[in-house]
PDB file of N, CA and C in Angstrom:
ATOM      1  N   UNK A   1      84.666  98.221  76.233  1.00  0.00           N
ATOM      2  CA  UNK A   1      86.075  98.106  76.021  1.00  0.00           C
ATOM      3  C   UNK A   1      86.643  97.036  77.003  1.00  0.00           C
ATOM      4  N   UNK A   2      87.414  96.159  76.527  1.00  0.00           N
ATOM      5  CA  UNK A   2      87.972  95.083  77.375  1.00  0.00           C
ATOM      6  C   UNK A   2      89.081  95.602  78.208  1.00  0.00           C
ATOM      7  N   UNK A   3      89.204  95.011  79.454  1.00  0.00           N
ATOM      8  CA  UNK A   3      90.218  95.438  80.371  1.00  0.00           C
ATOM      9  C   UNK A   3      91.166  94.299  80.675  1.00  0.00           C
ATOM     10  N   UNK A   4      92.419  94.638  81.006  1.00  0.00           N
ATOM     11  CA  UNK A   4      93.421  93.634  81.269  1.00  0.00           C
ATOM     12  C   UNK A   4      93.277  93.104  82.700  1.00  0.00           C
ATOM     13  N   UNK A   5      93.761  91.909  82.918  1.00  0.00           N
ATOM     14  CA  UNK A   5      93.772  91.397  84.339  1.00  0.00           C
ATOM     15  C   UNK A   5      94.687  92.261  85.200  1.00  0.00           C
ATOM     16  N   UNK A   6      94.253  92.521  86.403  1.00  0.00           N
ATOM     17  CA  UNK A   6      94.994  93.416  87.334  1.00  0.00           C
ATOM     18  C   UNK A   6      94.614  94.869  87.201  1.00  0.00           C
ATOM     19  N   UNK A   7      93.910  95.216  86.162  1.00  0.00           N
ATOM     20  CA  UNK A   7      93.466  96.609  85.983  1.00  0.00           C
ATOM     21  C   UNK A   7      92.400  96.970  86.979  1.00  0.00           C
ATOM     22  N   UNK A   8      92.505  98.185  87.557  1.00  0.00           N
ATOM     23  CA  UNK A   8      91.458  98.591  88.505  1.00  0.00           C
ATOM     24  C   UNK A   8      90.139  98.928  87.854  1.00  0.00           C
ATOM     25  N   UNK A   9      89.018  98.567  88.434  1.00  0.00           N
ATOM     26  CA  UNK A   9      87.681  98.853  87.950  1.00  0.00           C
ATOM     27  C   UNK A   9      87.214 100.255  88.113  1.00  0.00           C
ATOM     28  N   UNK A  10      87.886 100.973  89.075  1.00  0.00           N
ATOM     29  CA  UNK A  10      87.445 102.361  89.272  1.00  0.00           C
ATOM     30  C   UNK A  10      86.065 102.379  89.920  1.00  0.00           C
ATOM     31  N   UNK A  11      85.185 103.238  89.363  1.00  0.00           N
ATOM     32  CA  UNK A  11      83.842 103.322  89.834  1.00  0.00           C
ATOM     33  C   UNK A  11      82.925 102.472  88.915  1.00  0.00           C
ATOM     34  N   UNK A  12      83.459 101.631  88.117  1.00  0.00           N
ATOM     35  CA  UNK A  12      82.649 100.797  87.153  1.00  0.00           C
ATOM     36  C   UNK A  12      82.735  99.312  87.513  1.00  0.00           C
ATOM     37  N   UNK A  13      82.504  98.971  88.739  1.00  0.00           N
ATOM     38  CA  UNK A  13      82.467  97.529  89.155  1.00  0.00           C
ATOM     39  C   UNK A  13      81.231  96.868  88.524  1.00  0.00           C
ATOM     40  N   UNK A  14      81.285  95.574  88.479  1.00  0.00           N
ATOM     41  CA  UNK A  14      80.111  94.788  87.950  1.00  0.00           C
ATOM     42  C   UNK A  14      80.530  93.387  87.557  1.00  0.00           C
ATOM     43  N   UNK A  15      79.809  92.845  86.570  1.00  0.00           N
ATOM     44  CA  UNK A  15      80.032  91.480  86.049  1.00  0.00           C
ATOM     45  C   UNK A  15      80.821  91.640  84.804  1.00  0.00           C
ATOM     46  N   UNK A  16      81.949  90.785  84.723  1.00  0.00           N
ATOM     47  CA  UNK A  16      82.836  90.773  83.548  1.00  0.00           C
ATOM     48  C   UNK A  16      82.900  89.333  83.001  1.00  0.00           C
ATOM     49  N   UNK A  17      82.956  89.295  81.667  1.00  0.00           N
ATOM     50  CA  UNK A  17      83.127  88.020  81.031  1.00  0.00           C
ATOM     51  C   UNK A  17      84.494  87.951  80.346  1.00  0.00           C
ATOM     52  N   UNK A  18      85.113  86.858  80.413  1.00  0.00           N
ATOM     53  CA  UNK A  18      86.477  86.639  79.834  1.00  0.00           C
ATOM     54  C   UNK A  18      86.316  86.551  78.278  1.00  0.00           C
ATOM     55  N   UNK A  19      87.176  87.225  77.562  1.00  0.00           N
ATOM     56  CA  UNK A  19      87.172  87.176  76.067  1.00  0.00           C
ATOM     57  C   UNK A  19      88.654  86.889  75.611  1.00  0.00           C
ATOM     58  N   UNK A  20      88.739  86.308  74.409  1.00  0.00           N
ATOM     59  CA  UNK A  20      90.058  86.084  73.850  1.00  0.00           C
ATOM     60  C   UNK A  20      90.602  87.384  73.322  1.00  0.00           C
ATOM     61  N   UNK A  21      91.854  87.391  72.929  1.00  0.00           N
ATOM     62  CA  UNK A  21      92.523  88.585  72.358  1.00  0.00           C
ATOM     63  C   UNK A  21      91.793  89.047  71.102  1.00  0.00           C
ATOM     64  N   UNK A  22      91.073  88.222  70.437  1.00  0.00           N
ATOM     65  CA  UNK A  22      90.252  88.612  69.266  1.00  0.00           C
ATOM     66  C   UNK A  22      88.874  89.056  69.568  1.00  0.00           C
ATOM     67  N   UNK A  23      88.470  88.952  70.882  1.00  0.00           N
ATOM     68  CA  UNK A  23      87.198  89.396  71.293  1.00  0.00           C
ATOM     69  C   UNK A  23      86.115  88.240  71.354  1.00  0.00           C
ATOM     70  N   UNK A  24      86.542  87.048  71.147  1.00  0.00           N
ATOM     71  CA  UNK A  24      85.576  85.875  71.182  1.00  0.00           C
ATOM     72  C   UNK A  24      85.280  85.630  72.665  1.00  0.00           C
ATOM     73  N   UNK A  25      83.972  85.534  73.072  1.00  0.00           N
ATOM     74  CA  UNK A  25      83.581  85.242  74.455  1.00  0.00           C
ATOM     75  C   UNK A  25      83.983  83.916  74.898  1.00  0.00           C
ATOM     76  N   UNK A  26      84.365  83.755  76.196  1.00  0.00           N
ATOM     77  CA  UNK A  26      84.752  82.479  76.839  1.00  0.00           C
ATOM     78  C   UNK A  26      83.728  82.402  77.965  1.00  0.00           C
ATOM     79  N   UNK A  27      83.306  81.179  78.317  1.00  0.00           N
ATOM     80  CA  UNK A  27      82.284  81.023  79.337  1.00  0.00           C
ATOM     81  C   UNK A  27      82.911  81.046  80.735  1.00  0.00           C
ATOM     82  N   UNK A  28      83.542  82.197  81.039  1.00  0.00           N
ATOM     83  CA  UNK A  28      84.100  82.428  82.351  1.00  0.00           C
ATOM     84  C   UNK A  28      83.695  83.833  82.800  1.00  0.00           C
ATOM     85  N   UNK A  29      82.992  83.915  83.967  1.00  0.00           N
ATOM     86  CA  UNK A  29      82.529  85.194  84.454  1.00  0.00           C
ATOM     87  C   UNK A  29      83.022  85.494  85.825  1.00  0.00           C
ATOM     88  N   UNK A  30      83.092  86.789  86.184  1.00  0.00           N
ATOM     89  CA  UNK A  30      83.533  87.201  87.480  1.00  0.00           C
ATOM     90  C   UNK A  30      82.818  88.486  87.870  1.00  0.00           C
ATOM     91  N   UNK A  31      82.505  88.607  89.131  1.00  0.00           N
ATOM     92  CA  UNK A  31      81.909  89.864  89.681  1.00  0.00           C
ATOM     93  C   UNK A  31      83.016  90.589  90.526  1.00  0.00           C
ATOM     94  N   UNK A  32      83.234  91.889  90.155  1.00  0.00           N
ATOM     95  CA  UNK A  32      84.264  92.633  90.853  1.00  0.00           C
ATOM     96  C   UNK A  32      83.625  93.934  91.314  1.00  0.00           C
ATOM     97  N   UNK A  33      83.777  94.295  92.579  1.00  0.00           N
ATOM     98  CA  UNK A  33      83.259  95.534  93.107  1.00  0.00           C
ATOM     99  C   UNK A  33      84.064  96.700  92.644  1.00  0.00           C
ATOM    100  N   UNK A  34      83.552  97.925  92.957  1.00  0.00           N
ATOM    101  CA  UNK A  34      84.243  99.153  92.594  1.00  0.00           C
ATOM    102  C   UNK A  34      85.636  99.234  93.305  1.00  0.00           C
ATOM    103  N   UNK A  35      86.578  99.859  92.555  1.00  0.00           N
ATOM    104  CA  UNK A  35      87.907 100.132  93.062  1.00  0.00           C
ATOM    105  C   UNK A  35      88.735  98.867  93.421  1.00  0.00           C
ATOM    106  N   UNK A  36      88.500  97.790  92.763  1.00  0.00           N
ATOM    107  CA  UNK A  36      89.225  96.491  92.969  1.00  0.00           C
ATOM    108  C   UNK A  36      89.896  96.114  91.672  1.00  0.00           C
ATOM    109  N   UNK A  37      91.049  95.376  91.719  1.00  0.00           N
ATOM    110  CA  UNK A  37      91.663  94.887  90.497  1.00  0.00           C
ATOM    111  C   UNK A  37      90.961  93.677  89.944  1.00  0.00           C
ATOM    112  N   UNK A  38      91.012  93.546  88.625  1.00  0.00           N
ATOM    113  CA  UNK A  38      90.401  92.336  87.962  1.00  0.00           C
ATOM    114  C   UNK A  38      91.346  91.157  88.193  1.00  0.00           C
ATOM    115  N   UNK A  39      90.765  89.978  88.382  1.00  0.00           N
ATOM    116  CA  UNK A  39      91.570  88.770  88.612  1.00  0.00           C
ATOM    117  C   UNK A  39      92.223  88.244  87.355  1.00  0.00           C
ATOM    118  N   UNK A  40      93.212  87.357  87.549  1.00  0.00           N
ATOM    119  CA  UNK A  40      93.876  86.783  86.380  1.00  0.00           C
ATOM    120  C   UNK A  40      92.834  85.962  85.486  1.00  0.00           C
ATOM    121  N   UNK A  41      93.105  85.914  84.245  1.00  0.00           N
ATOM    122  CA  UNK A  41      92.296  85.058  83.284  1.00  0.00           C
ATOM    123  C   UNK A  41      92.818  83.630  83.332  1.00  0.00           C
ATOM    124  N   UNK A  42      92.027  82.744  82.666  1.00  0.00           N
ATOM    125  CA  UNK A  42      92.405  81.367  82.651  1.00  0.00           C
ATOM    126  C   UNK A  42      93.510  81.107  81.658  1.00  0.00           C
ATOM    127  N   UNK A  43      93.699  81.949  80.664  1.00  0.00           N
ATOM    128  CA  UNK A  43      94.804  81.843  79.731  1.00  0.00           C
ATOM    129  C   UNK A  43      95.478  83.146  79.515  1.00  0.00           C
ATOM    130  N   UNK A  44      96.786  83.133  79.257  1.00  0.00           N
ATOM    131  CA  UNK A  44      97.481  84.349  78.992  1.00  0.00           C
ATOM    132  C   UNK A  44      97.009  85.046  77.707  1.00  0.00           C
ATOM    133  N   UNK A  45      96.939  86.357  77.742  1.00  0.00           N
ATOM    134  CA  UNK A  45      96.486  87.074  76.584  1.00  0.00           C
ATOM    135  C   UNK A  45      94.965  87.372  76.527  1.00  0.00           C
ATOM    136  N   UNK A  46      94.242  86.687  77.435  1.00  0.00           N
ATOM    137  CA  UNK A  46      92.758  86.973  77.437  1.00  0.00           C
ATOM    138  C   UNK A  46      92.466  88.254  78.252  1.00  0.00           C
ATOM    139  N   UNK A  47      91.340  88.833  78.057  1.00  0.00           N
ATOM    140  CA  UNK A  47      90.905  90.070  78.669  1.00  0.00           C
ATOM    141  C   UNK A  47      89.530  89.912  79.345  1.00  0.00           C
ATOM    142  N   UNK A  48      89.139  90.946  80.000  1.00  0.00           N
ATOM    143  CA  UNK A  48      87.828  90.963  80.689  1.00  0.00           C
ATOM    144  C   UNK A  48      86.940  92.001  79.985  1.00  0.00           C
ATOM    145  N   UNK A  49      85.749  91.641  79.615  1.00  0.00           N
ATOM    146  CA  UNK A  49      84.741  92.518  78.938  1.00  0.00           C
ATOM    147  C   UNK A  49      83.601  92.708  79.930  1.00  0.00           C
ATOM    148  N   UNK A  50      83.260  93.965  80.252  1.00  0.00           N
ATOM    149  CA  UNK A  50      82.203  94.193  81.165  1.00  0.00           C
ATOM    150  C   UNK A  50      80.870  94.011  80.532  1.00  0.00           C
ATOM    151  N   UNK A  51      79.941  93.254  81.150  1.00  0.00           N
ATOM    152  CA  UNK A  51      78.596  93.023  80.650  1.00  0.00           C
ATOM    153  C   UNK A  51      77.546  93.666  81.503  1.00  0.00           C
ATOM    154  N   UNK A  52      77.806  93.878  82.819  1.00  0.00           N
ATOM    155  CA  UNK A  52      76.820  94.526  83.691  1.00  0.00           C
ATOM    156  C   UNK A  52      77.593  95.494  84.611  1.00  0.00           C
ATOM    157  N   UNK A  53      77.089  96.721  84.726  1.00  0.00           N
ATOM    158  CA  UNK A  53      77.659  97.709  85.666  1.00  0.00           C
ATOM    159  C   UNK A  53      76.904  97.708  86.947  1.00  0.00           C
ATOM    160  N   UNK A  54      77.475  97.628  88.104  1.00  0.00           N
ATOM    161  CA  UNK A  54      76.843  97.657  89.366  1.00  0.00           C
ATOM    162  C   UNK A  54      76.278  99.077  89.603  1.00  0.00           C
ATOM    163  N   UNK A  55      75.022  99.246  90.003  1.00  0.00           N
ATOM    164  CA  UNK A  55      74.464 100.534  90.226  1.00  0.00           C
ATOM    165  C   UNK A  55      75.073 101.168  91.439  1.00  0.00           C
ATOM    166  N   UNK A  56      75.093 102.448  91.547  1.00  0.00           N
ATOM    167  CA  UNK A  56      75.580 103.150  92.714  1.00  0.00           C
ATOM    168  C   UNK A  56      74.566 103.035  93.882  1.00  0.00           C
ATOM    169  N   UNK A  57      75.048 102.988  95.108  1.00  0.00           N
ATOM    170  CA  UNK A  57      74.205 102.832  96.284  1.00  0.00           C
ATOM    171  C   UNK A  57      73.713 104.179  96.644  1.00  0.00           C
ATOM    172  N   UNK A  58      72.495 104.301  97.221  1.00  0.00           N
ATOM    173  CA  UNK A  58      71.911 105.541  97.653  1.00  0.00           C
ATOM    174  C   UNK A  58      72.245 105.830  99.110  1.00  0.00           C
ATOM    175  N   UNK A  59      72.978 104.851  99.782  1.00  0.00           N
ATOM    176  CA  UNK A  59      73.292 104.969 101.170  1.00  0.00           C
ATOM    177  C   UNK A  59      74.526 105.805 101.383  1.00  0.00           C
TER     178      UNK A  59
END
């Protein structure tokens, strides 16, 4: 499920790819850690789609 810019990642941090409002992938990626907000997209109306979830640390 795509997330809006500024939305908190919660415990699901990882690698996100920018997508258009219709779901078409854009070649723009970002890595966001847990409990951090997603950055702005390059164009208004675009969203972030998670492609990799960061595994939990055993420490």
